[in-house]
Amino acid sequence: MRRTKRELERRIDALADEADDVDVVETPPLTPDEKDALDAAFDPARETPDGIGEWLTDTYGLTPVDEVVS
């Protein structure tokens, strides 16, 4: 579908008007308990291949692909 330059400009203007209507909400800083929970949820050990494999196995009973292939 081809659109004229004028149609595209109108669509861009409409999107810009919608963006102006969005309210930005500031969130309060995390409490120490919330920060600890967030840190635990994103444990760096999970981000290593071994950590991910162990987590998948423990959580979902899945076998990592590298173990299946080798």
N, C-alpha and C. Protein backbone atom coordinates (compact mmCIF):
# COMPACT_ATOMS: atom_id res chain seq x y z
N MET A 1 0.85 -1.17 0.00
CA MET A 1 0.00 0.00 0.00
C MET A 1 0.90 1.24 0.00
N ARG A 2 0.71 2.06 -0.98
CA ARG A 2 1.48 3.30 -1.07
C ARG A 2 0.73 4.42 -0.38
N ARG A 3 1.48 5.23 0.31
CA ARG A 3 0.88 6.39 0.97
C ARG A 3 1.57 7.63 0.45
N THR A 4 0.81 8.68 0.41
CA THR A 4 1.40 9.94 -0.02
C THR A 4 2.18 10.55 1.13
N LYS A 5 3.03 11.47 0.78
CA LYS A 5 3.82 12.16 1.80
C LYS A 5 2.90 12.85 2.81
N ARG A 6 1.85 13.44 2.33
CA ARG A 6 0.90 14.14 3.20
C ARG A 6 0.24 13.18 4.18
N GLU A 7 -0.15 11.98 3.70
CA GLU A 7 -0.76 10.98 4.60
C GLU A 7 0.23 10.55 5.68
N LEU A 8 1.47 10.35 5.29
CA LEU A 8 2.49 9.95 6.25
C LEU A 8 2.75 11.05 7.27
N GLU A 9 2.79 12.30 6.81
CA GLU A 9 2.99 13.42 7.74
C GLU A 9 1.84 13.52 8.73
N ARG A 10 0.60 13.30 8.27
CA ARG A 10 -0.55 13.33 9.17
C ARG A 10 -0.46 12.21 10.20
N ARG A 11 -0.04 11.04 9.75
CA ARG A 11 0.08 9.89 10.67
C ARG A 11 1.17 10.16 11.71
N ILE A 12 2.28 10.73 11.28
CA ILE A 12 3.37 11.07 12.21
C ILE A 12 2.88 12.11 13.22
N ASP A 13 2.16 13.11 12.76
CA ASP A 13 1.62 14.12 13.67
C ASP A 13 0.64 13.51 14.67
N ALA A 14 -0.20 12.58 14.21
CA ALA A 14 -1.16 11.93 15.11
C ALA A 14 -0.42 11.11 16.17
N LEU A 15 0.62 10.40 15.76
CA LEU A 15 1.41 9.62 16.72
C LEU A 15 2.12 10.53 17.72
N ALA A 16 2.61 11.66 17.25
CA ALA A 16 3.28 12.62 18.14
C ALA A 16 2.28 13.18 19.15
N ASP A 17 1.06 13.45 18.72
CA ASP A 17 0.03 13.93 19.64
C ASP A 17 -0.30 12.88 20.70
N GLU A 18 -0.36 11.60 20.28
CA GLU A 18 -0.61 10.53 21.25
C GLU A 18 0.53 10.45 22.25
N ALA A 19 1.75 10.61 21.79
CA ALA A 19 2.91 10.54 22.68
C ALA A 19 2.89 11.67 23.70
N ASP A 20 2.38 12.81 23.31
CA ASP A 20 2.29 13.94 24.24
C ASP A 20 1.31 13.67 25.37
N ASP A 21 0.34 12.77 25.14
CA ASP A 21 -0.68 12.47 26.14
C ASP A 21 -0.22 11.44 27.18
N VAL A 22 0.96 10.87 27.01
CA VAL A 22 1.45 9.84 27.93
C VAL A 22 1.99 10.50 29.19
N ASP A 23 1.55 10.01 30.34
CA ASP A 23 2.04 10.53 31.62
C ASP A 23 3.24 9.71 32.08
N VAL A 24 4.27 10.38 32.52
CA VAL A 24 5.44 9.72 33.07
C VAL A 24 5.28 9.67 34.58
N VAL A 25 5.40 8.48 35.12
CA VAL A 25 5.23 8.29 36.56
C VAL A 25 6.57 7.93 37.17
N GLU A 26 6.97 8.69 38.15
CA GLU A 26 8.22 8.40 38.85
C GLU A 26 7.96 7.34 39.90
N THR A 27 8.83 6.36 39.98
CA THR A 27 8.67 5.32 40.99
C THR A 27 9.62 5.60 42.15
N PRO A 28 9.20 5.25 43.35
CA PRO A 28 10.08 5.46 44.50
C PRO A 28 11.26 4.50 44.44
N PRO A 29 12.35 4.82 45.12
CA PRO A 29 13.49 3.91 45.12
C PRO A 29 13.12 2.58 45.78
N LEU A 30 13.84 1.53 45.41
CA LEU A 30 13.59 0.21 45.99
C LEU A 30 13.97 0.17 47.46
N THR A 31 13.19 -0.58 48.22
CA THR A 31 13.55 -0.81 49.62
C THR A 31 14.68 -1.84 49.64
N PRO A 32 15.40 -1.96 50.73
CA PRO A 32 16.46 -2.98 50.80
C PRO A 32 15.93 -4.39 50.54
N ASP A 33 14.74 -4.71 51.03
CA ASP A 33 14.17 -6.04 50.79
C ASP A 33 13.85 -6.26 49.31
N GLU A 34 13.31 -5.22 48.66
CA GLU A 34 13.01 -5.33 47.23
C GLU A 34 14.30 -5.48 46.42
N LYS A 35 15.33 -4.74 46.80
CA LYS A 35 16.61 -4.85 46.10
C LYS A 35 17.20 -6.25 46.26
N ASP A 36 17.13 -6.80 47.47
CA ASP A 36 17.63 -8.16 47.70
C ASP A 36 16.86 -9.18 46.86
N ALA A 37 15.54 -9.02 46.79
CA ALA A 37 14.72 -9.94 45.99
C ALA A 37 15.07 -9.83 44.51
N LEU A 38 15.28 -8.62 44.04
CA LEU A 38 15.65 -8.42 42.65
C LEU A 38 17.02 -9.01 42.35
N ASP A 39 17.97 -8.80 43.25
CA ASP A 39 19.31 -9.37 43.08
C ASP A 39 19.24 -10.89 43.06
N ALA A 40 18.42 -11.48 43.91
CA ALA A 40 18.30 -12.95 43.95
C ALA A 40 17.65 -13.47 42.67
N ALA A 41 16.70 -12.71 42.12
CA ALA A 41 16.02 -13.14 40.89
C ALA A 41 16.96 -13.14 39.70
N PHE A 42 17.93 -12.26 39.70
CA PHE A 42 18.89 -12.16 38.59
C PHE A 42 20.27 -12.57 39.07
N ASP A 43 20.34 -13.70 39.71
CA ASP A 43 21.60 -14.26 40.22
C ASP A 43 22.58 -14.43 39.06
N PRO A 44 23.77 -13.84 39.16
CA PRO A 44 24.75 -13.95 38.07
C PRO A 44 25.12 -15.40 37.74
N ALA A 45 25.00 -16.31 38.68
CA ALA A 45 25.33 -17.71 38.41
C ALA A 45 24.42 -18.28 37.33
N ARG A 46 23.22 -17.76 37.23
CA ARG A 46 22.29 -18.23 36.19
C ARG A 46 22.73 -17.78 34.81
N GLU A 47 23.53 -16.74 34.74
CA GLU A 47 23.89 -16.19 33.44
C GLU A 47 25.08 -16.90 32.81
N THR A 48 25.70 -17.81 33.53
CA THR A 48 26.76 -18.61 32.94
C THR A 48 26.11 -19.85 32.33
N PRO A 49 26.72 -20.45 31.31
CA PRO A 49 26.10 -21.64 30.72
C PRO A 49 25.81 -22.74 31.75
N ASP A 50 26.74 -22.99 32.68
CA ASP A 50 26.49 -24.02 33.68
C ASP A 50 25.36 -23.61 34.60
N GLY A 51 25.36 -22.35 35.01
CA GLY A 51 24.32 -21.87 35.90
C GLY A 51 22.94 -21.96 35.27
N ILE A 52 22.85 -21.62 33.99
CA ILE A 52 21.56 -21.68 33.30
C ILE A 52 21.10 -23.13 33.20
N GLY A 53 22.03 -24.02 32.84
CA GLY A 53 21.66 -25.43 32.71
C GLY A 53 21.16 -26.01 34.01
N GLU A 54 21.87 -25.70 35.09
CA GLU A 54 21.44 -26.20 36.40
C GLU A 54 20.08 -25.64 36.78
N TRP A 55 19.89 -24.36 36.51
CA TRP A 55 18.62 -23.73 36.85
C TRP A 55 17.47 -24.33 36.03
N LEU A 56 17.69 -24.54 34.72
CA LEU A 56 16.65 -25.14 33.89
C LEU A 56 16.33 -26.56 34.35
N THR A 57 17.37 -27.30 34.68
CA THR A 57 17.17 -28.67 35.15
C THR A 57 16.41 -28.68 36.47
N ASP A 58 16.84 -27.85 37.41
CA ASP A 58 16.20 -27.80 38.72
C ASP A 58 14.77 -27.27 38.64
N THR A 59 14.57 -26.24 37.83
CA THR A 59 13.27 -25.58 37.79
C THR A 59 12.26 -26.31 36.90
N TYR A 60 12.70 -26.70 35.69
CA TYR A 60 11.77 -27.24 34.72
C TYR A 60 12.06 -28.69 34.32
N GLY A 61 13.13 -29.27 34.84
CA GLY A 61 13.48 -30.63 34.46
C GLY A 61 14.01 -30.73 33.05
N LEU A 62 14.50 -29.62 32.50
CA LEU A 62 15.02 -29.60 31.13
C LEU A 62 16.50 -29.95 31.11
N THR A 63 16.93 -30.57 30.03
CA THR A 63 18.34 -30.88 29.85
C THR A 63 18.93 -29.86 28.89
N PRO A 64 20.04 -29.20 29.26
CA PRO A 64 20.65 -28.22 28.37
C PRO A 64 21.06 -28.86 27.04
N VAL A 65 20.97 -28.11 25.96
CA VAL A 65 21.27 -28.61 24.61
C VAL A 65 22.69 -29.13 24.50
N ASP A 66 23.66 -28.45 25.12
CA ASP A 66 25.05 -28.90 24.97
C ASP A 66 25.26 -30.29 25.57
N GLU A 67 24.47 -30.65 26.57
CA GLU A 67 24.58 -32.00 27.14
C GLU A 67 23.92 -33.02 26.23
N VAL A 68 22.87 -32.64 25.54
CA VAL A 68 22.17 -33.55 24.64
C VAL A 68 23.02 -33.82 23.41
N VAL A 69 23.65 -32.78 22.87
CA VAL A 69 24.43 -32.89 21.65
C VAL A 69 25.72 -33.68 21.86
N SER A 70 26.38 -33.50 23.00
CA SER A 70 27.68 -34.14 23.20
C SER A 70 27.59 -35.58 23.60
